[in-house]
Protein backbone atom coordinates (compact mmCIF):
# COMPACT_ATOMS: atom_id res chain seq x y z
CA MET A 1 14.39 7.94 11.35
CA PRO A 2 15.26 5.85 8.28
CA HIS A 3 12.53 3.84 6.61
CA HIS A 4 12.68 0.93 4.21
CA ILE A 5 10.60 1.76 1.17
CA LEU A 6 9.46 -1.41 -0.55
CA ALA A 7 8.77 0.16 -3.94
CA THR A 8 10.85 1.70 -6.69
CA THR A 9 8.28 4.44 -7.31
CA THR A 10 7.18 6.99 -4.72
CA ALA A 11 4.62 9.78 -4.65
CA SER A 12 3.47 12.29 -2.07
CA ILE A 13 -0.07 12.38 -0.75
CA SER A 14 -0.43 15.73 -2.55
CA GLU A 15 0.50 14.10 -5.86
CA LEU A 16 -1.97 11.29 -5.20
CA LYS A 17 -4.75 13.80 -4.49
CA LYS A 18 -4.02 15.78 -7.67
CA ASN A 19 -4.11 12.78 -10.00
CA PRO A 20 -4.73 9.36 -8.45
CA MET A 21 -4.78 7.45 -11.73
CA ALA A 22 -1.45 8.95 -12.81
CA THR A 23 0.02 7.88 -9.46
CA VAL A 24 -1.08 4.28 -10.02
CA ALA A 25 0.13 4.39 -13.64
CA ALA A 26 3.55 5.67 -12.54
CA GLY A 27 4.16 2.31 -10.87
CA GLU A 28 3.73 0.52 -14.21
CA GLY A 29 1.90 -2.37 -12.56
CA PHE A 30 4.00 -2.38 -9.39
CA PRO A 31 3.36 -0.79 -5.98
CA VAL A 32 3.81 2.95 -5.47
CA ALA A 33 4.88 4.04 -1.99
CA VAL A 34 2.81 7.04 -0.93
CA LEU A 35 4.74 9.27 1.44
CA ASN A 36 3.48 11.57 4.15
CA ARG A 37 6.19 14.01 5.28
CA ASN A 38 8.81 11.80 3.62
CA GLU A 39 7.71 8.68 5.50
CA PRO A 40 5.86 5.80 3.84
CA ALA A 41 2.16 6.06 4.72
CA PHE A 42 0.84 3.28 2.50
CA TYR A 43 1.35 1.48 -0.79
CA CYS A 44 -0.89 2.05 -3.78
CA ILE A 45 -1.27 -0.93 -6.10
CA PRO A 46 -3.33 -1.55 -9.25
CA ALA A 47 -6.65 -3.35 -8.79
CA ALA A 48 -5.45 -6.42 -10.69
CA VAL A 49 -2.51 -6.85 -8.29
CA TYR A 50 -4.78 -6.42 -5.26
CA GLU A 51 -7.24 -8.98 -6.61
CA SER A 52 -4.42 -11.43 -7.26
CA CYS A 53 -3.04 -11.00 -3.74
CA SER A 54 -6.46 -11.25 -2.10
CA ARG A 55 -6.90 -14.80 -3.36
CA ASN A 56 -4.20 -15.84 -0.88
CA TRP A 57 -5.66 -14.08 2.17
CA ARG A 58 -7.71 -15.83 4.75
CA THR A 59 -11.45 -15.38 4.89
CA PRO A 60 -12.97 -13.05 7.53
CA SER A 61 -14.20 -16.09 9.48
CA SER A 62 -10.62 -17.24 10.11
CA THR A 63 -8.72 -16.40 13.27
CA THR A 64 -6.55 -13.75 11.59
CA SER A 65 -8.08 -10.98 9.54
CA LEU A 66 -6.49 -8.09 7.69
CA THR A 67 -7.76 -5.71 10.37
CA SER A 68 -6.06 -7.60 13.18
CA VAL A 69 -2.83 -7.86 11.19
CA GLY A 70 -2.76 -4.10 10.69
CA THR A 71 -3.57 -3.46 14.34
CA SER A 72 -0.87 -5.76 15.65
CA ARG A 73 1.73 -4.14 13.40
CA ARG A 74 0.87 -0.65 14.67
CA SER A 75 1.22 -1.70 18.29
CA ARG A 76 4.88 -2.71 17.92
């Protein structure tokens, strides 16, 4: 099944385990798609990018949390 990979840099989970900081650095400040059996499993981003993005997320007391967003996506 084809997958859209939303990053220009990819790494395997094995590569991430061997050297996590090198995996983050390979993205040069942009997301790195981490693949499991050639399918995107998750995206690895630098802390500064995560912190910048998190300013725009809703607080846990709101009706939509990050957990519920992830759960609803998996159920599709």
